[in-house]
Amino acid sequence: MLVQNYCQNPNYLKRLIICFHMEKNFRFYLDHPEAKMDNNTSERALRKILIGCKNWMYLGSRRSGKTMANHMTLVQTYRSMDINPHKYLEFIYRNLMSYPHKKLHELLPNKWKETLQNRK
C-alpha cells in the first residue's frame, strides 16, 4: 500500500526519473568513496578571502585587483598543500635569482618541502 502511494505521487516519479538519468554520476561516488560530494573545503578557503574583501575594496585600479586575485589564488593553493605561504614566498623571493636555472623545478610548491629537507 505504501509503494502504491509513492508511485501515484507525481513528484516522487519525477525524482526517480532524474535519479535514473544521473546514474552515471551517482555510480562515480560509489566507485570512488574518497570523492567528496560537497564543496565545503573550497567554501572554507574562500571565507578568509571574503572576510578581507572590505579591506581590499579600494585597491586602486583594475590591474592591482587582478594582481591581488592572482596572489590570493597562489596563497590558497599553498594552504591547500599544507605549505606556509609566508615562508614559501619569502624563500622564493630571497633565493630565486641565485638559484641554478636547471633546478628551478625544485622550487615548485609540491617539491619545495623536499628541497628544504635535503638542504638541511
PDB file of N, CA and C in Angstrom:
ATOM      1  N   MET A   1       0.827  -1.188   0.000  1.00  0.00           N
ATOM      2  CA  MET A   1       0.000   0.000   0.000  1.00  0.00           C
ATOM      3  C   MET A   1       0.870   1.251   0.000  1.00  0.00           C
ATOM      4  N   LEU A   2       1.950   1.235   0.780  1.00  0.00           N
ATOM      5  CA  LEU A   2       2.855   2.379   0.840  1.00  0.00           C
ATOM      6  C   LEU A   2       3.524   2.618  -0.516  1.00  0.00           C
ATOM      7  N   VAL A   3       3.901   1.539  -1.195  1.00  0.00           N
ATOM      8  CA  VAL A   3       4.528   1.651  -2.510  1.00  0.00           C
ATOM      9  C   VAL A   3       3.557   2.264  -3.510  1.00  0.00           C
ATOM     10  N   GLN A   4       2.300   1.868  -3.426  1.00  0.00           N
ATOM     11  CA  GLN A   4       1.306   2.423  -4.344  1.00  0.00           C
ATOM     12  C   GLN A   4       1.157   3.930  -4.129  1.00  0.00           C
ATOM     13  N   ASN A   5       1.196   4.371  -2.878  1.00  0.00           N
ATOM     14  CA  ASN A   5       1.076   5.804  -2.599  1.00  0.00           C
ATOM     15  C   ASN A   5       2.246   6.573  -3.207  1.00  0.00           C
ATOM     16  N   TYR A   6       3.454   6.026  -3.080  1.00  0.00           N
ATOM     17  CA  TYR A   6       4.618   6.692  -3.659  1.00  0.00           C
ATOM     18  C   TYR A   6       4.532   6.737  -5.182  1.00  0.00           C
ATOM     19  N   CYS A   7       4.134   5.635  -5.781  1.00  0.00           N
ATOM     20  CA  CYS A   7       4.085   5.571  -7.236  1.00  0.00           C
ATOM     21  C   CYS A   7       3.027   6.497  -7.816  1.00  0.00           C
ATOM     22  N   GLN A   8       2.020   6.805  -7.049  1.00  0.00           N
ATOM     23  CA  GLN A   8       0.974   7.703  -7.531  1.00  0.00           C
ATOM     24  C   GLN A   8       1.372   9.168  -7.358  1.00  0.00           C
ATOM     25  N   ASN A   9       2.365   9.425  -6.548  1.00  0.00           N
ATOM     26  CA  ASN A   9       2.823  10.788  -6.321  1.00  0.00           C
ATOM     27  C   ASN A   9       3.676  11.234  -7.512  1.00  0.00           C
ATOM     28  N   PRO A  10       3.244  12.274  -8.268  1.00  0.00           N
ATOM     29  CA  PRO A  10       3.999  12.680  -9.460  1.00  0.00           C
ATOM     30  C   PRO A  10       5.396  13.234  -9.125  1.00  0.00           C
ATOM     31  N   ASN A  11       5.537  13.864  -7.979  1.00  0.00           N
ATOM     32  CA  ASN A  11       6.857  14.390  -7.591  1.00  0.00           C
ATOM     33  C   ASN A  11       7.853  13.259  -7.354  1.00  0.00           C
ATOM     34  N   TYR A  12       7.394  12.203  -6.745  1.00  0.00           N
ATOM     35  CA  TYR A  12       8.258  11.056  -6.487  1.00  0.00           C
ATOM     36  C   TYR A  12       8.722  10.443  -7.802  1.00  0.00           C
ATOM     37  N   LEU A  13       7.817  10.308  -8.741  1.00  0.00           N
ATOM     38  CA  LEU A  13       8.175   9.729 -10.035  1.00  0.00           C
ATOM     39  C   LEU A  13       9.167  10.616 -10.776  1.00  0.00           C
ATOM     40  N   LYS A  14       8.987  11.927 -10.712  1.00  0.00           N
ATOM     41  CA  LYS A  14       9.928  12.853 -11.358  1.00  0.00           C
ATOM     42  C   LYS A  14      11.324  12.695 -10.758  1.00  0.00           C
ATOM     43  N   ARG A  15      11.385  12.620  -9.451  1.00  0.00           N
ATOM     44  CA  ARG A  15      12.678  12.468  -8.779  1.00  0.00           C
ATOM     45  C   ARG A  15      13.333  11.136  -9.121  1.00  0.00           C
ATOM     46  N   LEU A  16      12.530  10.100  -9.224  1.00  0.00           N
ATOM     47  CA  LEU A  16      13.050   8.781  -9.571  1.00  0.00           C
ATOM     48  C   LEU A  16      13.610   8.770 -10.994  1.00  0.00           C
ATOM     49  N   ILE A  17      12.920   9.427 -11.903  1.00  0.00           N
ATOM     50  CA  ILE A  17      13.388   9.515 -13.290  1.00  0.00           C
ATOM     51  C   ILE A  17      14.705  10.294 -13.341  1.00  0.00           C
ATOM     52  N   ILE A  18      14.809  11.368 -12.578  1.00  0.00           N
ATOM     53  CA  ILE A  18      16.045  12.151 -12.526  1.00  0.00           C
ATOM     54  C   ILE A  18      17.195  11.277 -12.023  1.00  0.00           C
ATOM     55  N   CYS A  19      16.930  10.467 -11.012  1.00  0.00           N
ATOM     56  CA  CYS A  19      17.971   9.572 -10.485  1.00  0.00           C
ATOM     57  C   CYS A  19      18.444   8.586 -11.548  1.00  0.00           C
ATOM     58  N   PHE A  20      17.530   8.066 -12.331  1.00  0.00           N
ATOM     59  CA  PHE A  20      17.924   7.124 -13.382  1.00  0.00           C
ATOM     60  C   PHE A  20      18.768   7.813 -14.449  1.00  0.00           C
ATOM     61  N   HIS A  21      18.432   9.049 -14.766  1.00  0.00           N
ATOM     62  CA  HIS A  21      19.220   9.784 -15.768  1.00  0.00           C
ATOM     63  C   HIS A  21      20.602  10.152 -15.243  1.00  0.00           C
ATOM     64  N   MET A  22      20.728  10.275 -13.940  1.00  0.00           N
ATOM     65  CA  MET A  22      22.005  10.672 -13.343  1.00  0.00           C
ATOM     66  C   MET A  22      22.749   9.489 -12.736  1.00  0.00           C
ATOM     67  N   GLU A  23      22.395   8.291 -13.161  1.00  0.00           N
ATOM     68  CA  GLU A  23      23.000   7.091 -12.587  1.00  0.00           C
ATOM     69  C   GLU A  23      24.519   7.104 -12.722  1.00  0.00           C
ATOM     70  N   LYS A  24      25.025   7.577 -13.850  1.00  0.00           N
ATOM     71  CA  LYS A  24      26.466   7.607 -14.074  1.00  0.00           C
ATOM     72  C   LYS A  24      27.152   8.465 -13.001  1.00  0.00           C
ATOM     73  N   ASN A  25      26.546   9.603 -12.681  1.00  0.00           N
ATOM     74  CA  ASN A  25      27.119  10.482 -11.650  1.00  0.00           C
ATOM     75  C   ASN A  25      27.088   9.825 -10.271  1.00  0.00           C
ATOM     76  N   PHE A  26      26.006   9.174  -9.946  1.00  0.00           N
ATOM     77  CA  PHE A  26      25.905   8.517  -8.646  1.00  0.00           C
ATOM     78  C   PHE A  26      26.874   7.333  -8.551  1.00  0.00           C
ATOM     79  N   ARG A  27      27.050   6.620  -9.642  1.00  0.00           N
ATOM     80  CA  ARG A  27      27.963   5.479  -9.649  1.00  0.00           C
ATOM     81  C   ARG A  27      29.404   5.914  -9.380  1.00  0.00           C
ATOM     82  N   PHE A  28      29.750   7.112  -9.845  1.00  0.00           N
ATOM     83  CA  PHE A  28      31.099   7.625  -9.602  1.00  0.00           C
ATOM     84  C   PHE A  28      31.385   7.654  -8.107  1.00  0.00           C
ATOM     85  N   TYR A  29      30.438   8.133  -7.313  1.00  0.00           N
ATOM     86  CA  TYR A  29      30.642   8.216  -5.867  1.00  0.00           C
ATOM     87  C   TYR A  29      30.636   6.838  -5.208  1.00  0.00           C
ATOM     88  N   LEU A  30      29.959   5.883  -5.799  1.00  0.00           N
ATOM     89  CA  LEU A  30      30.003   4.521  -5.277  1.00  0.00           C
ATOM     90  C   LEU A  30      31.340   3.866  -5.589  1.00  0.00           C
ATOM     91  N   ASP A  31      31.865   4.147  -6.781  1.00  0.00           N
ATOM     92  CA  ASP A  31      33.143   3.564  -7.188  1.00  0.00           C
ATOM     93  C   ASP A  31      34.342   4.263  -6.558  1.00  0.00           C
ATOM     94  N   HIS A  32      34.184   5.536  -6.175  1.00  0.00           N
ATOM     95  CA  HIS A  32      35.272   6.341  -5.586  1.00  0.00           C
ATOM     96  C   HIS A  32      34.805   6.931  -4.256  1.00  0.00           C
ATOM     97  N   PRO A  33      34.814   6.143  -3.199  1.00  0.00           N
ATOM     98  CA  PRO A  33      34.289   6.633  -1.918  1.00  0.00           C
ATOM     99  C   PRO A  33      35.100   7.790  -1.335  1.00  0.00           C
ATOM    100  N   GLU A  34      36.342   7.991  -1.806  1.00  0.00           N
ATOM    101  CA  GLU A  34      37.154   9.097  -1.282  1.00  0.00           C
ATOM    102  C   GLU A  34      36.716  10.448  -1.861  1.00  0.00           C
ATOM    103  N   ALA A  35      35.965  10.435  -2.956  1.00  0.00           N
ATOM    104  CA  ALA A  35      35.494  11.680  -3.565  1.00  0.00           C
ATOM    105  C   ALA A  35      34.430  12.315  -2.679  1.00  0.00           C
ATOM    106  N   LYS A  36      34.516  13.625  -2.542  1.00  0.00           N
ATOM    107  CA  LYS A  36      33.562  14.338  -1.691  1.00  0.00           C
ATOM    108  C   LYS A  36      32.406  14.862  -2.537  1.00  0.00           C
ATOM    109  N   MET A  37      31.201  14.747  -2.006  1.00  0.00           N
ATOM    110  CA  MET A  37      30.029  15.214  -2.729  1.00  0.00           C
ATOM    111  C   MET A  37      29.725  16.681  -2.443  1.00  0.00           C
ATOM    112  N   ASP A  38      30.462  17.289  -1.541  1.00  0.00           N
ATOM    113  CA  ASP A  38      30.213  18.694  -1.223  1.00  0.00           C
ATOM    114  C   ASP A  38      31.436  19.534  -1.553  1.00  0.00           C
ATOM    115  N   ASN A  39      31.287  20.833  -1.417  1.00  0.00           N
ATOM    116  CA  ASN A  39      32.413  21.723  -1.683  1.00  0.00           C
ATOM    117  C   ASN A  39      32.755  22.545  -0.441  1.00  0.00           C
ATOM    118  N   ASN A  40      32.596  21.949   0.725  1.00  0.00           N
ATOM    119  CA  ASN A  40      32.864  22.654   1.977  1.00  0.00           C
ATOM    120  C   ASN A  40      34.312  23.112   2.081  1.00  0.00           C
ATOM    121  N   THR A  41      35.241  22.340   1.564  1.00  0.00           N
ATOM    122  CA  THR A  41      36.649  22.704   1.643  1.00  0.00           C
ATOM    123  C   THR A  41      36.906  24.009   0.901  1.00  0.00           C
ATOM    124  N   SER A  42      36.373  24.130  -0.303  1.00  0.00           N
ATOM    125  CA  SER A  42      36.586  25.361  -1.073  1.00  0.00           C
ATOM    126  C   SER A  42      35.843  26.534  -0.444  1.00  0.00           C
ATOM    127  N   GLU A  43      34.664  26.295   0.133  1.00  0.00           N
ATOM    128  CA  GLU A  43      33.935  27.377   0.784  1.00  0.00           C
ATOM    129  C   GLU A  43      34.678  27.877   2.014  1.00  0.00           C
ATOM    130  N   ARG A  44      35.289  26.966   2.769  1.00  0.00           N
ATOM    131  CA  ARG A  44      36.080  27.394   3.931  1.00  0.00           C
ATOM    132  C   ARG A  44      37.283  28.218   3.504  1.00  0.00           C
ATOM    133  N   ALA A  45      37.898  27.835   2.397  1.00  0.00           N
ATOM    134  CA  ALA A  45      39.053  28.577   1.888  1.00  0.00           C
ATOM    135  C   ALA A  45      38.637  29.974   1.428  1.00  0.00           C
ATOM    136  N   LEU A  46      37.477  30.077   0.807  1.00  0.00           N
ATOM    137  CA  LEU A  46      37.004  31.380   0.340  1.00  0.00           C
ATOM    138  C   LEU A  46      36.581  32.301   1.481  1.00  0.00           C
ATOM    139  N   ARG A  47      36.198  31.737   2.596  1.00  0.00           N
ATOM    140  CA  ARG A  47      35.746  32.549   3.725  1.00  0.00           C
ATOM    141  C   ARG A  47      36.829  33.546   4.155  1.00  0.00           C
ATOM    142  N   LYS A  48      38.084  33.111   4.158  1.00  0.00           N
ATOM    143  CA  LYS A  48      39.181  34.001   4.554  1.00  0.00           C
ATOM    144  C   LYS A  48      39.290  35.173   3.595  1.00  0.00           C
ATOM    145  N   ILE A  49      39.068  34.908   2.326  1.00  0.00           N
ATOM    146  CA  ILE A  49      39.146  35.970   1.330  1.00  0.00           C
ATOM    147  C   ILE A  49      37.964  36.930   1.495  1.00  0.00           C
ATOM    148  N   LEU A  50      36.788  36.390   1.723  1.00  0.00           N
ATOM    149  CA  LEU A  50      35.609  37.235   1.865  1.00  0.00           C
ATOM    150  C   LEU A  50      35.694  38.138   3.085  1.00  0.00           C
ATOM    151  N   ILE A  51      36.317  37.660   4.132  1.00  0.00           N
ATOM    152  CA  ILE A  51      36.480  38.499   5.318  1.00  0.00           C
ATOM    153  C   ILE A  51      37.359  39.705   4.985  1.00  0.00           C
ATOM    154  N   GLY A  52      38.343  39.522   4.143  1.00  0.00           N
ATOM    155  CA  GLY A  52      39.240  40.618   3.779  1.00  0.00           C
ATOM    156  C   GLY A  52      38.712  41.518   2.678  1.00  0.00           C
ATOM    157  N   CYS A  53      37.555  41.199   2.098  1.00  0.00           N
ATOM    158  CA  CYS A  53      37.047  41.988   0.974  1.00  0.00           C
ATOM    159  C   CYS A  53      36.894  43.463   1.312  1.00  0.00           C
ATOM    160  N   LYS A  54      36.396  43.767   2.488  1.00  0.00           N
ATOM    161  CA  LYS A  54      36.221  45.171   2.853  1.00  0.00           C
ATOM    162  C   LYS A  54      37.567  45.876   2.936  1.00  0.00           C
ATOM    163  N   ASN A  55      38.583  45.169   3.383  1.00  0.00           N
ATOM    164  CA  ASN A  55      39.911  45.779   3.468  1.00  0.00           C
ATOM    165  C   ASN A  55      40.494  46.036   2.084  1.00  0.00           C
ATOM    166  N   TRP A  56      40.123  45.217   1.117  1.00  0.00           N
ATOM    167  CA  TRP A  56      40.707  45.337  -0.217  1.00  0.00           C
ATOM    168  C   TRP A  56      39.774  46.013  -1.207  1.00  0.00           C
ATOM    169  N   MET A  57      38.703  46.610  -0.724  1.00  0.00           N
ATOM    170  CA  MET A  57      37.703  47.173  -1.622  1.00  0.00           C
ATOM    171  C   MET A  57      38.309  48.221  -2.562  1.00  0.00           C
ATOM    172  N   TYR A  58      39.230  49.006  -2.049  1.00  0.00           N
ATOM    173  CA  TYR A  58      39.814  50.078  -2.853  1.00  0.00           C
ATOM    174  C   TYR A  58      41.289  49.771  -3.101  1.00  0.00           C
ATOM    175  N   LEU A  59      41.536  48.923  -4.045  1.00  0.00           N
ATOM    176  CA  LEU A  59      42.905  48.528  -4.355  1.00  0.00           C
ATOM    177  C   LEU A  59      43.610  49.544  -5.242  1.00  0.00           C
ATOM    178  N   GLY A  60      42.867  50.421  -5.850  1.00  0.00           N
ATOM    179  CA  GLY A  60      43.491  51.467  -6.655  1.00  0.00           C
ATOM    180  C   GLY A  60      43.183  51.370  -8.134  1.00  0.00           C
ATOM    181  N   SER A  61      43.214  50.176  -8.690  1.00  0.00           N
ATOM    182  CA  SER A  61      42.948  50.030 -10.120  1.00  0.00           C
ATOM    183  C   SER A  61      42.532  48.600 -10.421  1.00  0.00           C
ATOM    184  N   ARG A  62      42.070  48.413 -11.646  1.00  0.00           N
ATOM    185  CA  ARG A  62      41.702  47.056 -12.078  1.00  0.00           C
ATOM    186  C   ARG A  62      42.917  46.142 -12.092  1.00  0.00           C
ATOM    187  N   ARG A  63      44.027  46.688 -12.525  1.00  0.00           N
ATOM    188  CA  ARG A  63      45.247  45.892 -12.620  1.00  0.00           C
ATOM    189  C   ARG A  63      45.681  45.387 -11.249  1.00  0.00           C
ATOM    190  N   SER A  64      45.626  46.254 -10.249  1.00  0.00           N
ATOM    191  CA  SER A  64      46.021  45.815  -8.909  1.00  0.00           C
ATOM    192  C   SER A  64      45.012  44.813  -8.345  1.00  0.00           C
ATOM    193  N   GLY A  65      43.744  44.940  -8.732  1.00  0.00           N
ATOM    194  CA  GLY A  65      42.741  43.956  -8.318  1.00  0.00           C
ATOM    195  C   GLY A  65      43.027  42.585  -8.898  1.00  0.00           C
ATOM    196  N   LYS A  66      43.421  42.545 -10.176  1.00  0.00           N
ATOM    197  CA  LYS A  66      43.777  41.267 -10.807  1.00  0.00           C
ATOM    198  C   LYS A  66      45.027  40.678 -10.162  1.00  0.00           C
ATOM    199  N   THR A  67      45.983  41.557  -9.853  1.00  0.00           N
ATOM    200  CA  THR A  67      47.208  41.090  -9.195  1.00  0.00           C
ATOM    201  C   THR A  67      46.882  40.485  -7.836  1.00  0.00           C
ATOM    202  N   MET A  68      46.013  41.153  -7.091  1.00  0.00           N
ATOM    203  CA  MET A  68      45.620  40.647  -5.778  1.00  0.00           C
ATOM    204  C   MET A  68      44.885  39.307  -5.909  1.00  0.00           C
ATOM    205  N   ALA A  69      44.025  39.183  -6.924  1.00  0.00           N
ATOM    206  CA  ALA A  69      43.309  37.916  -7.142  1.00  0.00           C
ATOM    207  C   ALA A  69      44.289  36.788  -7.454  1.00  0.00           C
ATOM    208  N   ASN A  70      45.281  37.072  -8.286  1.00  0.00           N
ATOM    209  CA  ASN A  70      46.295  36.052  -8.599  1.00  0.00           C
ATOM    210  C   ASN A  70      47.088  35.676  -7.352  1.00  0.00           C
ATOM    211  N   HIS A  71      47.433  36.665  -6.574  1.00  0.00           N
ATOM    212  CA  HIS A  71      48.192  36.421  -5.345  1.00  0.00           C
ATOM    213  C   HIS A  71      47.387  35.553  -4.370  1.00  0.00           C
ATOM    214  N   MET A  72      46.122  35.875  -4.203  1.00  0.00           N
ATOM    215  CA  MET A  72      45.284  35.104  -3.277  1.00  0.00           C
ATOM    216  C   MET A  72      45.064  33.682  -3.792  1.00  0.00           C
ATOM    217  N   THR A  73      45.011  33.510  -5.099  1.00  0.00           N
ATOM    218  CA  THR A  73      44.896  32.160  -5.664  1.00  0.00           C
ATOM    219  C   THR A  73      46.116  31.332  -5.294  1.00  0.00           C
ATOM    220  N   LEU A  74      47.285  31.936  -5.427  1.00  0.00           N
ATOM    221  CA  LEU A  74      48.517  31.232  -5.056  1.00  0.00           C
ATOM    222  C   LEU A  74      48.537  30.906  -3.568  1.00  0.00           C
ATOM    223  N   VAL A  75      48.157  31.874  -2.743  1.00  0.00           N
ATOM    224  CA  VAL A  75      48.169  31.666  -1.285  1.00  0.00           C
ATOM    225  C   VAL A  75      47.233  30.513  -0.906  1.00  0.00           C
ATOM    226  N   GLN A  76      46.053  30.483  -1.474  1.00  0.00           N
ATOM    227  CA  GLN A  76      45.113  29.402  -1.155  1.00  0.00           C
ATOM    228  C   GLN A  76      45.621  28.060  -1.658  1.00  0.00           C
ATOM    229  N   THR A  77      46.316  28.058  -2.789  1.00  0.00           N
ATOM    230  CA  THR A  77      46.905  26.820  -3.299  1.00  0.00           C
ATOM    231  C   THR A  77      47.951  26.296  -2.326  1.00  0.00           C
ATOM    232  N   TYR A  78      48.795  27.195  -1.827  1.00  0.00           N
ATOM    233  CA  TYR A  78      49.822  26.782  -0.860  1.00  0.00           C
ATOM    234  C   TYR A  78      49.180  26.248   0.408  1.00  0.00           C
ATOM    235  N   ARG A  79      48.145  26.907   0.869  1.00  0.00           N
ATOM    236  CA  ARG A  79      47.465  26.445   2.092  1.00  0.00           C
ATOM    237  C   ARG A  79      46.860  25.063   1.889  1.00  0.00           C
ATOM    238  N   SER A  80      46.297  24.821   0.710  1.00  0.00           N
ATOM    239  CA  SER A  80      45.689  23.507   0.457  1.00  0.00           C
ATOM    240  C   SER A  80      46.746  22.413   0.384  1.00  0.00           C
ATOM    241  N   MET A  81      48.009  22.799   0.130  1.00  0.00           N
ATOM    242  CA  MET A  81      49.107  21.831   0.070  1.00  0.00           C
ATOM    243  C   MET A  81      49.860  21.767   1.401  1.00  0.00           C
ATOM    244  N   ASP A  82      49.314  22.362   2.451  1.00  0.00           N
ATOM    245  CA  ASP A  82      49.931  22.407   3.782  1.00  0.00           C
ATOM    246  C   ASP A  82      51.302  23.076   3.757  1.00  0.00           C
ATOM    247  N   ILE A  83      51.393  24.154   3.002  1.00  0.00           N
ATOM    248  CA  ILE A  83      52.620  24.948   2.939  1.00  0.00           C
ATOM    249  C   ILE A  83      52.307  26.311   3.533  1.00  0.00           C
ATOM    250  N   ASN A  84      53.166  26.786   4.404  1.00  0.00           N
ATOM    251  CA  ASN A  84      53.004  28.123   4.960  1.00  0.00           C
ATOM    252  C   ASN A  84      53.295  29.141   3.852  1.00  0.00           C
ATOM    253  N   PRO A  85      52.293  29.901   3.400  1.00  0.00           N
ATOM    254  CA  PRO A  85      52.501  30.819   2.276  1.00  0.00           C
ATOM    255  C   PRO A  85      53.580  31.865   2.547  1.00  0.00           C
ATOM    256  N   HIS A  86      53.631  32.372   3.768  1.00  0.00           N
ATOM    257  CA  HIS A  86      54.619  33.403   4.094  1.00  0.00           C
ATOM    258  C   HIS A  86      56.040  32.859   3.969  1.00  0.00           C
ATOM    259  N   LYS A  87      56.279  31.694   4.548  1.00  0.00           N
ATOM    260  CA  LYS A  87      57.618  31.096   4.485  1.00  0.00           C
ATOM    261  C   LYS A  87      57.996  30.742   3.052  1.00  0.00           C
ATOM    262  N   TYR A  88      57.043  30.185   2.317  1.00  0.00           N
ATOM    263  CA  TYR A  88      57.327  29.781   0.933  1.00  0.00           C
ATOM    264  C   TYR A  88      57.676  30.989   0.074  1.00  0.00           C
ATOM    265  N   LEU A  89      56.828  32.029   0.117  1.00  0.00           N
ATOM    266  CA  LEU A  89      57.077  33.199  -0.723  1.00  0.00           C
ATOM    267  C   LEU A  89      58.359  33.921  -0.307  1.00  0.00           C
ATOM    268  N   GLU A  90      58.621  33.972   0.993  1.00  0.00           N
ATOM    269  CA  GLU A  90      59.864  34.605   1.449  1.00  0.00           C
ATOM    270  C   GLU A  90      61.075  33.837   0.899  1.00  0.00           C
ATOM    271  N   PHE A  91      61.017  32.519   0.966  1.00  0.00           N
ATOM    272  CA  PHE A  91      62.108  31.703   0.440  1.00  0.00           C
ATOM    273  C   PHE A  91      62.291  31.929  -1.066  1.00  0.00           C
ATOM    274  N   ILE A  92      61.186  31.952  -1.792  1.00  0.00           N
ATOM    275  CA  ILE A  92      61.247  32.141  -3.241  1.00  0.00           C
ATOM    276  C   ILE A  92      61.850  33.499  -3.576  1.00  0.00           C
ATOM    277  N   TYR A  93      61.346  34.560  -2.929  1.00  0.00           N
ATOM    278  CA  TYR A  93      61.828  35.912  -3.247  1.00  0.00           C
ATOM    279  C   TYR A  93      63.302  36.091  -2.880  1.00  0.00           C
ATOM    280  N   ARG A  94      63.743  35.448  -1.824  1.00  0.00           N
ATOM    281  CA  ARG A  94      65.143  35.590  -1.411  1.00  0.00           C
ATOM    282  C   ARG A  94      66.101  34.753  -2.274  1.00  0.00           C
ATOM    283  N   ASN A  95      65.640  33.624  -2.793  1.00  0.00           N
ATOM    284  CA  ASN A  95      66.550  32.685  -3.452  1.00  0.00           C
ATOM    285  C   ASN A  95      66.359  32.523  -4.957  1.00  0.00           C
ATOM    286  N   LEU A  96      65.324  33.086  -5.516  1.00  0.00           N
ATOM    287  CA  LEU A  96      65.013  32.832  -6.925  1.00  0.00           C
ATOM    288  C   LEU A  96      66.135  33.286  -7.856  1.00  0.00           C
ATOM    289  N   MET A  97      66.663  34.454  -7.642  1.00  0.00           N
ATOM    290  CA  MET A  97      67.680  34.994  -8.558  1.00  0.00           C
ATOM    291  C   MET A  97      69.001  34.210  -8.497  1.00  0.00           C
ATOM    292  N   SER A  98      69.310  33.664  -7.338  1.00  0.00           N
ATOM    293  CA  SER A  98      70.587  32.961  -7.202  1.00  0.00           C
ATOM    294  C   SER A  98      70.455  31.446  -7.380  1.00  0.00           C
ATOM    295  N   TYR A  99      69.242  30.972  -7.577  1.00  0.00           N
ATOM    296  CA  TYR A  99      69.021  29.528  -7.704  1.00  0.00           C
ATOM    297  C   TYR A  99      69.440  29.061  -9.094  1.00  0.00           C
ATOM    298  N   PRO A 100      70.104  27.908  -9.206  1.00  0.00           N
ATOM    299  CA  PRO A 100      70.519  27.406 -10.526  1.00  0.00           C
ATOM    300  C   PRO A 100      69.309  27.164 -11.426  1.00  0.00           C
ATOM    301  N   HIS A 101      69.375  27.647 -12.650  1.00  0.00           N
ATOM    302  CA  HIS A 101      68.206  27.569 -13.535  1.00  0.00           C
ATOM    303  C   HIS A 101      67.819  26.135 -13.885  1.00  0.00           C
ATOM    304  N   LYS A 102      68.755  25.209 -13.812  1.00  0.00           N
ATOM    305  CA  LYS A 102      68.414  23.808 -14.116  1.00  0.00           C
ATOM    306  C   LYS A 102      67.693  23.129 -12.954  1.00  0.00           C
ATOM    307  N   LYS A 103      67.665  23.792 -11.802  1.00  0.00           N
ATOM    308  CA  LYS A 103      67.000  23.216 -10.628  1.00  0.00           C
ATOM    309  C   LYS A 103      65.769  24.014 -10.211  1.00  0.00           C
ATOM    310  N   LEU A 104      65.274  24.887 -11.064  1.00  0.00           N
ATOM    311  CA  LEU A 104      64.113  25.708 -10.715  1.00  0.00           C
ATOM    312  C   LEU A 104      62.876  24.864 -10.409  1.00  0.00           C
ATOM    313  N   HIS A 105      62.791  23.685 -11.000  1.00  0.00           N
ATOM    314  CA  HIS A 105      61.642  22.811 -10.728  1.00  0.00           C
ATOM    315  C   HIS A 105      61.566  22.422  -9.244  1.00  0.00           C
ATOM    316  N   GLU A 106      62.694  22.505  -8.536  1.00  0.00           N
ATOM    317  CA  GLU A 106      62.699  22.193  -7.104  1.00  0.00           C
ATOM    318  C   GLU A 106      61.952  23.246  -6.287  1.00  0.00           C
ATOM    319  N   LEU A 107      61.732  24.413  -6.863  1.00  0.00           N
ATOM    320  CA  LEU A 107      61.049  25.496  -6.149  1.00  0.00           C
ATOM    321  C   LEU A 107      59.533  25.463  -6.326  1.00  0.00           C
ATOM    322  N   LEU A 108      59.039  24.548  -7.122  1.00  0.00           N
ATOM    323  CA  LEU A 108      57.592  24.408  -7.260  1.00  0.00           C
ATOM    324  C   LEU A 108      57.008  23.966  -5.915  1.00  0.00           C
ATOM    325  N   PRO A 109      55.801  24.393  -5.600  1.00  0.00           N
ATOM    326  CA  PRO A 109      55.243  24.098  -4.274  1.00  0.00           C
ATOM    327  C   PRO A 109      55.241  22.623  -3.893  1.00  0.00           C
ATOM    328  N   ASN A 110      54.968  21.742  -4.846  1.00  0.00           N
ATOM    329  CA  ASN A 110      54.900  20.318  -4.492  1.00  0.00           C
ATOM    330  C   ASN A 110      56.279  19.711  -4.235  1.00  0.00           C
ATOM    331  N   LYS A 111      57.358  20.367  -4.658  1.00  0.00           N
ATOM    332  CA  LYS A 111      58.721  19.865  -4.432  1.00  0.00           C
ATOM    333  C   LYS A 111      59.463  20.642  -3.344  1.00  0.00           C
ATOM    334  N   TRP A 112      58.903  21.772  -2.938  1.00  0.00           N
ATOM    335  CA  TRP A 112      59.611  22.698  -2.061  1.00  0.00           C
ATOM    336  C   TRP A 112      59.975  22.081  -0.710  1.00  0.00           C
ATOM    337  N   LYS A 113      59.060  21.362  -0.094  1.00  0.00           N
ATOM    338  CA  LYS A 113      59.339  20.755   1.217  1.00  0.00           C
ATOM    339  C   LYS A 113      60.501  19.772   1.123  1.00  0.00           C
ATOM    340  N   GLU A 114      60.532  18.982   0.076  1.00  0.00           N
ATOM    341  CA  GLU A 114      61.644  18.037  -0.107  1.00  0.00           C
ATOM    342  C   GLU A 114      62.965  18.776  -0.285  1.00  0.00           C
ATOM    343  N   THR A 115      62.927  19.878  -1.036  1.00  0.00           N
ATOM    344  CA  THR A 115      64.123  20.668  -1.269  1.00  0.00           C
ATOM    345  C   THR A 115      64.674  21.215   0.044  1.00  0.00           C
ATOM    346  N   LEU A 116      63.784  21.706   0.896  1.00  0.00           N
ATOM    347  CA  LEU A 116      64.217  22.241   2.193  1.00  0.00           C
ATOM    348  C   LEU A 116      64.823  21.145   3.054  1.00  0.00           C
ATOM    349  N   GLN A 117      64.218  19.976   3.076  1.00  0.00           N
ATOM    350  CA  GLN A 117      64.737  18.883   3.897  1.00  0.00           C
ATOM    351  C   GLN A 117      66.095  18.411   3.394  1.00  0.00           C
ATOM    352  N   ASN A 118      66.285  18.418   2.087  1.00  0.00           N
ATOM    353  CA  ASN A 118      67.581  17.992   1.524  1.00  0.00           C
ATOM    354  C   ASN A 118      68.678  19.018   1.785  1.00  0.00           C
ATOM    355  N   ARG A 119      68.314  20.294   1.927  1.00  0.00           N
ATOM    356  CA  ARG A 119      69.312  21.348   2.165  1.00  0.00           C
ATOM    357  C   ARG A 119      69.822  21.310   3.613  1.00  0.00           C
ATOM    358  N   LYS A 120      69.014  20.781   4.536  1.00  0.00           N
ATOM    359  CA  LYS A 120      69.404  20.802   5.964  1.00  0.00           C
ATOM    360  C   LYS A 120      70.408  19.775   6.289  1.00  0.00           C
TER     361      LYS A 120
END
